[in-house]
C-alpha atoms as a PDB file:
ATOM      1  CA  MET A   1      18.505  14.569 -13.377  1.00  0.00           C
ATOM      2  CA  SER A   2      17.857  12.316 -16.366  1.00  0.00           C
ATOM      3  CA  ALA A   3      19.707   9.070 -16.881  1.00  0.00           C
ATOM      4  CA  GLU A   4      21.742  10.811 -19.606  1.00  0.00           C
ATOM      5  CA  LYS A   5      23.401  13.102 -17.024  1.00  0.00           C
ATOM      6  CA  LEU A   6      23.828  10.614 -14.172  1.00  0.00           C
ATOM      7  CA  SER A   7      25.558   7.265 -13.955  1.00  0.00           C
ATOM      8  CA  THR A   8      23.369   4.208 -13.428  1.00  0.00           C
ATOM      9  CA  VAL A   9      24.105   4.062  -9.694  1.00  0.00           C
ATOM     10  CA  GLU A  10      23.641   7.825  -9.238  1.00  0.00           C
ATOM     11  CA  TYR A  11      20.356   7.734 -11.141  1.00  0.00           C
ATOM     12  CA  ILE A  12      18.916   4.943  -8.977  1.00  0.00           C
ATOM     13  CA  GLN A  13      20.207   6.495  -5.746  1.00  0.00           C
ATOM     14  CA  HIS A  14      18.671   9.827  -6.718  1.00  0.00           C
ATOM     15  CA  HIS A  15      15.253   8.266  -7.297  1.00  0.00           C
ATOM     16  CA  LEU A  16      15.424   6.292  -4.061  1.00  0.00           C
ATOM     17  CA  THR A  17      16.102   9.381  -1.944  1.00  0.00           C
ATOM     18  CA  ASN A  18      13.143  11.053  -0.250  1.00  0.00           C
ATOM     19  CA  ALA A  19      12.705  14.760   0.265  1.00  0.00           C
ATOM     20  CA  HIS A  20      13.007  14.840   4.030  1.00  0.00           C
ATOM     21  CA  ILE A  21      13.498  16.989   7.085  1.00  0.00           C
ATOM     22  CA  GLY A  22      15.217  15.964  10.316  1.00  0.00           C
ATOM     23  CA  GLU A  23      17.809  13.276  10.877  1.00  0.00           C
ATOM     24  CA  GLY A  24      17.868   9.778  12.293  1.00  0.00           C
ATOM     25  CA  PHE A  25      14.756   8.566  14.105  1.00  0.00           C
ATOM     26  CA  TRP A  26      13.102  11.957  13.710  1.00  0.00           C
ATOM     27  CA  THR A  27      13.414  12.052   9.924  1.00  0.00           C
ATOM     28  CA  ILE A  28      10.148  12.918   8.186  1.00  0.00           C
ATOM     29  CA  ASN A  29       9.829  12.000   4.508  1.00  0.00           C
ATOM     30  CA  VAL A  30       7.956  15.079   3.362  1.00  0.00           C
ATOM     31  CA  ASP A  31       7.150  13.772  -0.113  1.00  0.00           C
ATOM     32  CA  THR A  32       5.567  10.617   1.320  1.00  0.00           C
ATOM     33  CA  VAL A  33       3.431  12.631   3.740  1.00  0.00           C
ATOM     34  CA  ILE A  34       2.304  15.156   1.113  1.00  0.00           C
ATOM     35  CA  TYR A  35       1.412  12.605  -1.567  1.00  0.00           C
ATOM     36  CA  SER A  36      -0.404  10.391   0.956  1.00  0.00           C
ATOM     37  CA  ILE A  37      -2.493  13.338   2.142  1.00  0.00           C
ATOM     38  CA  LEU A  38      -3.208  14.581  -1.379  1.00  0.00           C
ATOM     39  CA  LEU A  39      -4.354  11.134  -2.490  1.00  0.00           C
ATOM     40  CA  GLY A  40      -6.509  10.821   0.638  1.00  0.00           C
ATOM     41  CA  VAL A  41      -8.112  14.195  -0.085  1.00  0.00           C
ATOM     42  CA  PHE A  42      -8.664  13.153  -3.707  1.00  0.00           C
ATOM     43  CA  LEU A  43     -10.357   9.955  -2.521  1.00  0.00           C
ATOM     44  CA  LEU A  44     -12.656  11.930  -0.209  1.00  0.00           C
ATOM     45  CA  TRP A  45     -13.515  14.324  -3.052  1.00  0.00           C
ATOM     46  CA  VAL A  46     -14.367  11.470  -5.433  1.00  0.00           C
ATOM     47  CA  GLY A  47     -16.478   9.776  -2.744  1.00  0.00           C
ATOM     48  CA  LYS A  48     -18.324  13.003  -2.006  1.00  0.00           C
ATOM     49  CA  LYS A  49     -18.922  13.547  -5.715  1.00  0.00           C
ATOM     50  CA  ALA A  50     -20.286  10.008  -6.095  1.00  0.00           C
ATOM     51  CA  VAL A  51     -22.708  10.557  -3.193  1.00  0.00           C
ATOM     52  CA  ALA A  52     -23.832  13.910  -4.624  1.00  0.00           C
ATOM     53  CA  GLU A  53     -24.538  12.338  -8.021  1.00  0.00           C
ATOM     54  CA  ALA A  54     -26.311   9.249  -6.624  1.00  0.00           C
ATOM     55  CA  SER A  55     -29.912   8.861  -7.717  1.00  0.00           C
ATOM     56  CA  ASP A  56     -32.651   6.266  -7.861  1.00  0.00           C
ATOM     57  CA  GLY A  57     -33.023   6.818 -11.582  1.00  0.00           C
ATOM     58  CA  THR A  58     -30.402   6.110 -14.224  1.00  0.00           C
ATOM     59  CA  PRO A  59     -27.105   5.906 -12.335  1.00  0.00           C
ATOM     60  CA  SER A  60     -24.013   7.726 -13.552  1.00  0.00           C
ATOM     61  CA  GLY A  61     -20.842   5.896 -14.480  1.00  0.00           C
ATOM     62  CA  LEU A  62     -19.222   7.004 -11.216  1.00  0.00           C
ATOM     63  CA  GLN A  63     -22.186   5.721  -9.208  1.00  0.00           C
ATOM     64  CA  ASN A  64     -22.070   2.386 -11.042  1.00  0.00           C
ATOM     65  CA  PHE A  65     -18.358   2.090 -10.326  1.00  0.00           C
ATOM     66  CA  PHE A  66     -18.755   2.794  -6.604  1.00  0.00           C
ATOM     67  CA  GLU A  67     -21.733   0.448  -6.275  1.00  0.00           C
ATOM     68  CA  MET A  68     -19.696  -2.303  -7.930  1.00  0.00           C
ATOM     69  CA  LEU A  69     -16.720  -1.563  -5.654  1.00  0.00           C
ATOM     70  CA  ILE A  70     -18.888  -1.524  -2.514  1.00  0.00           C
ATOM     71  CA  GLU A  71     -20.530  -4.812  -3.490  1.00  0.00           C
ATOM     72  CA  PHE A  72     -17.087  -6.317  -4.097  1.00  0.00           C
ATOM     73  CA  VAL A  73     -15.876  -5.229  -0.638  1.00  0.00           C
ATOM     74  CA  GLN A  74     -19.062  -6.398   1.095  1.00  0.00           C
ATOM     75  CA  THR A  75     -18.761  -9.822  -0.528  1.00  0.00           C
ATOM     76  CA  ASN A  76     -15.240 -10.223   0.833  1.00  0.00           C
ATOM     77  CA  ILE A  77     -16.370  -9.124   4.295  1.00  0.00           C
ATOM     78  CA  LYS A  78     -19.232 -11.656   4.320  1.00  0.00           C
ATOM     79  CA  ASP A  79     -16.818 -14.416   3.327  1.00  0.00           C
ATOM     80  CA  ALA A  80     -14.023 -13.535   5.768  1.00  0.00           C
ATOM     81  CA  PHE A  81     -15.786 -11.788   8.654  1.00  0.00           C
ATOM     82  CA  PRO A  82     -19.428 -12.844   9.110  1.00  0.00           C
ATOM     83  CA  GLY A  83     -21.267 -10.558  11.515  1.00  0.00           C
ATOM     84  CA  ALA A  84     -18.717  -7.771  11.095  1.00  0.00           C
ATOM     85  CA  PRO A  85     -19.491  -4.387  12.710  1.00  0.00           C
ATOM     86  CA  LYS A  86     -20.883  -1.814  10.289  1.00  0.00           C
ATOM     87  CA  PHE A  87     -17.722   0.302  10.218  1.00  0.00           C
ATOM     88  CA  ILE A  88     -15.667  -2.588   8.760  1.00  0.00           C
ATOM     89  CA  GLY A  89     -17.191  -2.003   5.312  1.00  0.00           C
ATOM     90  CA  PRO A  90     -16.224   1.686   5.002  1.00  0.00           C
ATOM     91  CA  MET A  91     -12.834   0.949   6.559  1.00  0.00           C
ATOM     92  CA  ALA A  92     -12.101  -1.896   4.131  1.00  0.00           C
ATOM     93  CA  LEU A  93     -13.242   0.207   1.177  1.00  0.00           C
ATOM     94  CA  THR A  94     -11.021   3.081   2.313  1.00  0.00           C
ATOM     95  CA  ILE A  95      -8.013   0.785   2.726  1.00  0.00           C
ATOM     96  CA  PHE A  96      -8.461  -0.744  -0.719  1.00  0.00           C
ATOM     97  CA  ALA A  97      -9.023   2.559  -2.531  1.00  0.00           C
ATOM     98  CA  TRP A  98      -6.319   4.544  -0.707  1.00  0.00           C
ATOM     99  CA  VAL A  99      -3.665   1.845  -1.026  1.00  0.00           C
ATOM    100  CA  TRP A 100      -4.570   1.417  -4.705  1.00  0.00           C
ATOM    101  CA  LEU A 101      -4.204   5.144  -5.339  1.00  0.00           C
ATOM    102  CA  MET A 102      -0.826   5.235  -3.588  1.00  0.00           C
ATOM    103  CA  ASN A 103       0.280   2.211  -5.619  1.00  0.00           C
ATOM    104  CA  PHE A 104      -1.011   3.798  -8.826  1.00  0.00           C
ATOM    105  CA  MET A 105       1.559   6.589  -8.500  1.00  0.00           C
ATOM    106  CA  ASP A 106       4.105   3.982  -9.595  1.00  0.00           C
ATOM    107  CA  LEU A 107       2.547   4.031 -13.076  1.00  0.00           C
ATOM    108  CA  ILE A 108       3.356   7.718 -13.623  1.00  0.00           C
ATOM    109  CA  PRO A 109       6.537   8.078 -15.743  1.00  0.00           C
ATOM    110  CA  VAL A 110       9.388   7.671 -13.300  1.00  0.00           C
ATOM    111  CA  ASP A 111      11.166  10.935 -14.204  1.00  0.00           C
ATOM    112  CA  LEU A 112       8.157  13.208 -14.684  1.00  0.00           C
ATOM    113  CA  LEU A 113       7.243  14.428 -11.200  1.00  0.00           C
ATOM    114  CA  PRO A 114      10.851  14.489  -9.893  1.00  0.00           C
ATOM    115  CA  TRP A 115      11.772  16.618 -12.940  1.00  0.00           C
ATOM    116  CA  LEU A 116       8.896  19.008 -12.240  1.00  0.00           C
ATOM    117  CA  GLY A 117      10.039  19.143  -8.639  1.00  0.00           C
ATOM    118  CA  GLN A 118      13.551  20.140  -9.680  1.00  0.00           C
ATOM    119  CA  LEU A 119      12.121  23.013 -11.695  1.00  0.00           C
ATOM    120  CA  VAL A 120      10.874  24.543  -8.429  1.00  0.00           C
ATOM    121  CA  GLY A 121      13.992  23.696  -6.448  1.00  0.00           C
ATOM    122  CA  ILE A 122      13.081  20.283  -4.981  1.00  0.00           C
ATOM    123  CA  GLU A 123      16.188  18.140  -5.364  1.00  0.00           C
ATOM    124  CA  HIS A 124      14.726  14.766  -4.425  1.00  0.00           C
ATOM    125  CA  MET A 125      11.201  13.399  -4.714  1.00  0.00           C
ATOM    126  CA  ARG A 126       9.697   9.931  -4.348  1.00  0.00           C
ATOM    127  CA  VAL A 127       6.096   9.958  -5.474  1.00  0.00           C
ATOM    128  CA  VAL A 128       4.925   6.444  -4.497  1.00  0.00           C
ATOM    129  CA  PRO A 129       4.038   6.464  -0.784  1.00  0.00           C
ATOM    130  CA  THR A 130       3.881   2.665  -0.565  1.00  0.00           C
ATOM    131  CA  THR A 131       7.543   2.362  -1.616  1.00  0.00           C
ATOM    132  CA  ASP A 132       8.327   4.032   1.712  1.00  0.00           C
ATOM    133  CA  LEU A 133       8.438   1.439   4.498  1.00  0.00           C
ATOM    134  CA  ASN A 134       7.208   4.099   6.932  1.00  0.00           C
ATOM    135  CA  THR A 135       3.876   4.236   5.086  1.00  0.00           C
ATOM    136  CA  THR A 136       3.264   0.508   4.966  1.00  0.00           C
ATOM    137  CA  LEU A 137       4.317   0.064   8.614  1.00  0.00           C
ATOM    138  CA  ALA A 138       2.004   2.906   9.671  1.00  0.00           C
ATOM    139  CA  LEU A 139      -0.921   1.276   7.871  1.00  0.00           C
ATOM    140  CA  ALA A 140      -0.079  -2.170   9.243  1.00  0.00           C
ATOM    141  CA  PHE A 141       0.354  -1.069  12.857  1.00  0.00           C
ATOM    142  CA  THR A 142      -2.925   0.822  12.693  1.00  0.00           C
ATOM    143  CA  VAL A 143      -4.520  -2.496  11.763  1.00  0.00           C
ATOM    144  CA  PHE A 144      -2.546  -4.136  14.588  1.00  0.00           C
ATOM    145  CA  GLY A 145      -4.027  -1.633  17.047  1.00  0.00           C
ATOM    146  CA  LEU A 146      -7.516  -2.566  15.852  1.00  0.00           C
ATOM    147  CA  ILE A 147      -6.668  -6.260  16.252  1.00  0.00           C
ATOM    148  CA  ILE A 148      -5.801  -5.676  19.918  1.00  0.00           C
ATOM    149  CA  VAL A 149      -8.998  -3.663  20.448  1.00  0.00           C
ATOM    150  CA  PHE A 150     -11.122  -6.397  18.841  1.00  0.00           C
ATOM    151  CA  ASN A 151      -9.398  -9.076  20.921  1.00  0.00           C
ATOM    152  CA  LEU A 152     -10.067  -7.184  24.147  1.00  0.00           C
ATOM    153  CA  LYS A 153     -13.667  -6.476  23.163  1.00  0.00           C
ATOM    154  CA  ALA A 154     -14.432 -10.088  22.207  1.00  0.00           C
ATOM    155  CA  LYS A 155     -12.437 -11.930  24.859  1.00  0.00           C
ATOM    156  CA  GLY A 156     -12.028  -9.405  27.660  1.00  0.00           C
ATOM    157  CA  VAL A 157      -8.716  -8.749  29.390  1.00  0.00           C
ATOM    158  CA  GLY A 158      -8.755 -12.170  31.044  1.00  0.00           C
ATOM    159  CA  GLY A 159      -9.537 -13.978  27.814  1.00  0.00           C
ATOM    160  CA  PHE A 160      -6.865 -12.038  25.965  1.00  0.00           C
ATOM    161  CA  ILE A 161      -4.232 -13.001  28.546  1.00  0.00           C
ATOM    162  CA  LYS A 162      -5.508 -16.587  28.522  1.00  0.00           C
ATOM    163  CA  MET A 163      -4.976 -16.699  24.751  1.00  0.00           C
ATOM    164  CA  PHE A 164      -1.276 -15.961  25.262  1.00  0.00           C
ATOM    165  CA  LEU A 165      -0.959 -18.524  28.078  1.00  0.00           C
ATOM    166  CA  THR A 166      -2.800 -21.450  26.491  1.00  0.00           C
ATOM    167  CA  HIS A 167      -2.405 -21.101  22.717  1.00  0.00           C
ATOM    168  CA  PRO A 168      -1.288 -23.203  20.908  1.00  0.00           C
ATOM    169  CA  PHE A 169       0.060 -25.962  23.200  1.00  0.00           C
ATOM    170  CA  GLY A 170      -2.242 -25.807  26.218  1.00  0.00           C
ATOM    171  CA  PRO A 171      -1.769 -24.412  29.744  1.00  0.00           C
ATOM    172  CA  TYR A 172       1.136 -26.691  30.717  1.00  0.00           C
ATOM    173  CA  LEU A 173       3.490 -25.014  28.234  1.00  0.00           C
ATOM    174  CA  ALA A 174       2.536 -21.419  29.081  1.00  0.00           C
ATOM    175  CA  PRO A 175       6.040 -19.884  28.642  1.00  0.00           C
ATOM    176  CA  ILE A 176       6.355 -21.370  25.148  1.00  0.00           C
ATOM    177  CA  ASN A 177       2.780 -20.333  24.343  1.00  0.00           C
ATOM    178  CA  VAL A 178       3.503 -16.714  25.263  1.00  0.00           C
ATOM    179  CA  VAL A 179       6.530 -16.606  22.946  1.00  0.00           C
ATOM    180  CA  MET A 180       4.753 -18.371  20.073  1.00  0.00           C
ATOM    181  CA  THR A 181       1.582 -16.275  20.312  1.00  0.00           C
ATOM    182  CA  LEU A 182       3.577 -13.064  20.614  1.00  0.00           C
ATOM    183  CA  ILE A 183       5.523 -13.936  17.469  1.00  0.00           C
ATOM    184  CA  GLU A 184       2.277 -14.850  15.697  1.00  0.00           C
ATOM    185  CA  GLU A 185       0.603 -11.559  16.579  1.00  0.00           C
ATOM    186  CA  ILE A 186       3.599  -9.363  15.745  1.00  0.00           C
ATOM    187  CA  ALA A 187       4.088 -11.207  12.446  1.00  0.00           C
ATOM    188  CA  LYS A 188       0.673 -10.014  11.240  1.00  0.00           C
ATOM    189  CA  PRO A 189       1.481  -6.292  10.879  1.00  0.00           C
ATOM    190  CA  ILE A 190       5.088  -6.967   9.866  1.00  0.00           C
ATOM    191  CA  SER A 191       4.030  -9.294   7.048  1.00  0.00           C
ATOM    192  CA  LEU A 192       1.324  -6.844   5.940  1.00  0.00           C
ATOM    193  CA  ALA A 193       3.837  -4.001   5.759  1.00  0.00           C
ATOM    194  CA  LEU A 194       6.720  -5.883   4.145  1.00  0.00           C
ATOM    195  CA  ARG A 195       4.547  -7.599   1.515  1.00  0.00           C
ATOM    196  CA  LEU A 196       3.156  -4.311   0.230  1.00  0.00           C
ATOM    197  CA  PHE A 197       6.469  -2.459   0.507  1.00  0.00           C
ATOM    198  CA  GLY A 198       8.494  -5.216  -1.159  1.00  0.00           C
ATOM    199  CA  ASN A 199       6.237  -5.563  -4.180  1.00  0.00           C
ATOM    200  CA  MET A 200       5.952  -1.830  -4.764  1.00  0.00           C
ATOM    201  CA  PHE A 201       9.664  -1.207  -4.214  1.00  0.00           C
ATOM    202  CA  ALA A 202      10.532  -3.934  -6.714  1.00  0.00           C
ATOM    203  CA  GLY A 203       8.113  -2.456  -9.252  1.00  0.00           C
ATOM    204  CA  GLU A 204       9.678   0.976  -8.794  1.00  0.00           C
ATOM    205  CA  LEU A 205      13.160  -0.441  -9.431  1.00  0.00           C
ATOM    206  CA  VAL A 206      12.030  -2.175 -12.625  1.00  0.00           C
ATOM    207  CA  PHE A 207      10.634   1.108 -13.988  1.00  0.00           C
ATOM    208  CA  MET A 208      13.985   2.787 -13.192  1.00  0.00           C
ATOM    209  CA  LEU A 209      15.940   0.069 -14.979  1.00  0.00           C
ATOM    210  CA  ILE A 210      13.697   0.381 -18.037  1.00  0.00           C
ATOM    211  CA  ALA A 211      14.177   4.173 -17.979  1.00  0.00           C
ATOM    212  CA  LEU A 212      17.947   3.636 -17.941  1.00  0.00           C
ATOM    213  CA  ILE A 213      17.721   1.811 -21.275  1.00  0.00           C
ATOM    214  CA  GLY A 214      16.717   5.043 -22.959  1.00  0.00           C
ATOM    215  CA  GLY A 215      19.120   7.175 -20.952  1.00  0.00           C
ATOM    216  CA  THR A 216      22.410   5.262 -20.976  1.00  0.00           C
ATOM    217  CA  LEU A 217      22.139   2.920 -23.960  1.00  0.00           C
ATOM    218  CA  ALA A 218      20.109   4.862 -26.543  1.00  0.00           C
ATOM    219  CA  VAL A 219      22.979   6.993 -27.830  1.00  0.00           C
ATOM    220  CA  GLY A 220      23.335   7.876 -31.479  1.00  0.00           C
ATOM    221  CA  ALA A 221      22.371   5.154 -33.931  1.00  0.00           C
ATOM    222  CA  ALA A 222      21.823   2.722 -31.048  1.00  0.00           C
ATOM    223  CA  ALA A 223      18.646   4.657 -30.222  1.00  0.00           C
ATOM    224  CA  LEU A 224      17.004   3.047 -33.254  1.00  0.00           C
ATOM    225  CA  PHE A 225      17.118  -0.247 -31.355  1.00  0.00           C
ATOM    226  CA  TRP A 226      17.056   0.677 -27.674  1.00  0.00           C
ATOM    227  CA  ALA A 227      14.338   3.356 -27.743  1.00  0.00           C
ATOM    228  CA  PRO A 228      11.660   1.062 -29.276  1.00  0.00           C
ATOM    229  CA  LEU A 229      12.739  -1.709 -26.885  1.00  0.00           C
ATOM    230  CA  GLN A 230      12.348   0.662 -23.953  1.00  0.00           C
ATOM    231  CA  ALA A 231       8.842   1.630 -25.114  1.00  0.00           C
ATOM    232  CA  VAL A 232       7.795  -2.029 -25.453  1.00  0.00           C
ATOM    233  CA  LEU A 233       9.248  -2.992 -22.067  1.00  0.00           C
ATOM    234  CA  ASP A 234       7.703   0.044 -20.398  1.00  0.00           C
ATOM    235  CA  LEU A 235       4.254  -0.696 -21.802  1.00  0.00           C
ATOM    236  CA  GLY A 236       4.493  -4.394 -20.956  1.00  0.00           C
ATOM    237  CA  TRP A 237       5.625  -3.771 -17.376  1.00  0.00           C
ATOM    238  CA  LEU A 238       3.008  -1.035 -16.935  1.00  0.00           C
ATOM    239  CA  LEU A 239       0.188  -3.405 -17.941  1.00  0.00           C
ATOM    240  CA  PHE A 240       1.533  -6.161 -15.684  1.00  0.00           C
ATOM    241  CA  HIS A 241       2.145  -3.736 -12.811  1.00  0.00           C
ATOM    242  CA  LEU A 242      -1.436  -2.511 -13.062  1.00  0.00           C
ATOM    243  CA  LEU A 243      -2.440  -6.019 -12.009  1.00  0.00           C
ATOM    244  CA  VAL A 244       0.204  -6.012  -9.248  1.00  0.00           C
ATOM    245  CA  ILE A 245      -0.916  -2.735  -7.670  1.00  0.00           C
ATOM    246  CA  THR A 246      -4.549  -3.895  -7.668  1.00  0.00           C
ATOM    247  CA  LEU A 247      -3.655  -7.286  -6.242  1.00  0.00           C
ATOM    248  CA  GLN A 248      -1.536  -5.750  -3.465  1.00  0.00           C
ATOM    249  CA  ALA A 249      -4.334  -3.369  -2.448  1.00  0.00           C
ATOM    250  CA  PHE A 250      -6.770  -6.290  -2.472  1.00  0.00           C
ATOM    251  CA  ILE A 251      -4.475  -8.511  -0.368  1.00  0.00           C
ATOM    252  CA  PHE A 252      -3.925  -5.749   2.192  1.00  0.00           C
ATOM    253  CA  MET A 253      -7.678  -5.216   2.475  1.00  0.00           C
ATOM    254  CA  VAL A 254      -8.561  -8.920   2.702  1.00  0.00           C
ATOM    255  CA  LEU A 255      -5.870  -9.724   5.274  1.00  0.00           C
ATOM    256  CA  THR A 256      -7.055  -6.786   7.372  1.00  0.00           C
ATOM    257  CA  ILE A 257     -10.598  -8.183   7.306  1.00  0.00           C
ATOM    258  CA  VAL A 258      -9.369 -11.706   8.093  1.00  0.00           C
ATOM    259  CA  TYR A 259      -7.178 -10.598  11.000  1.00  0.00           C
ATOM    260  CA  LEU A 260      -9.975  -8.501  12.497  1.00  0.00           C
ATOM    261  CA  GLY A 261     -12.397 -11.392  12.027  1.00  0.00           C
ATOM    262  CA  MET A 262     -10.012 -13.720  13.870  1.00  0.00           C
ATOM    263  CA  ALA A 263      -9.602 -11.199  16.686  1.00  0.00           C
ATOM    264  CA  HIS A 264     -13.372 -10.716  16.947  1.00  0.00           C
ATOM    265  CA  SER A 265     -13.915 -14.425  17.434  1.00  0.00           C
ATOM    266  CA  THR A 266     -14.039 -15.800  20.955  1.00  0.00           C
ATOM    267  CA  ASP A 267     -12.236 -18.913  19.732  1.00  0.00           C
ATOM    268  CA  HIS A 268      -8.568 -19.011  18.955  1.00  0.00           C
END
């Protein structure tokens, strides 16, 4: 499966193919589902461990980390969604941590887990759930569902319908308002999903291209040049991508808070 045995195109195609069952609309990307669940379970375990170790005395490193993370999330909620319901904090923290963990899988050597999978008979494996558009769309449309619920709760059914009829050009241009508002509302989950997917997919491709340097170019004496170059590029992109995965998780969390705050408001 290594780049030494496959052509450049075959290597990239192999890494971009999910382990799946079903065909067409009913296709389920099994690797995406499994890794998402495993990372969610890991997050729950770490959270439970942090709660179990919490104390009023000298806090542990894990407790310090979670307190810092919770304070960071709460600060963003106060800035973007004053008067937010209590569940927004845990939800925002979960979104940030879970998306970050799924993004972090991109920092694992690109060939490692797929190679281990082949040892047990798994031909294809994509290990970064957020490089699967199904994952990012699922997250985004869950947020979209909450936006609708918050709109209905804050404005009522009549107020929600009125928003579509009168925003942004007033009641005399109701047909145009409906189209414009509908586009505006649908654009929220679509932009959330595509932003996260696009950045993570691009990062995944860069890691593959760097891996190809060692597989297709580092042959014989040329390895004395290409192998060190690959190591430098890999380390440099890894350090930069660490910032990218954190920033993308942060943006997804903040935009979720902002959109819910807008929906919760009685003004539009």
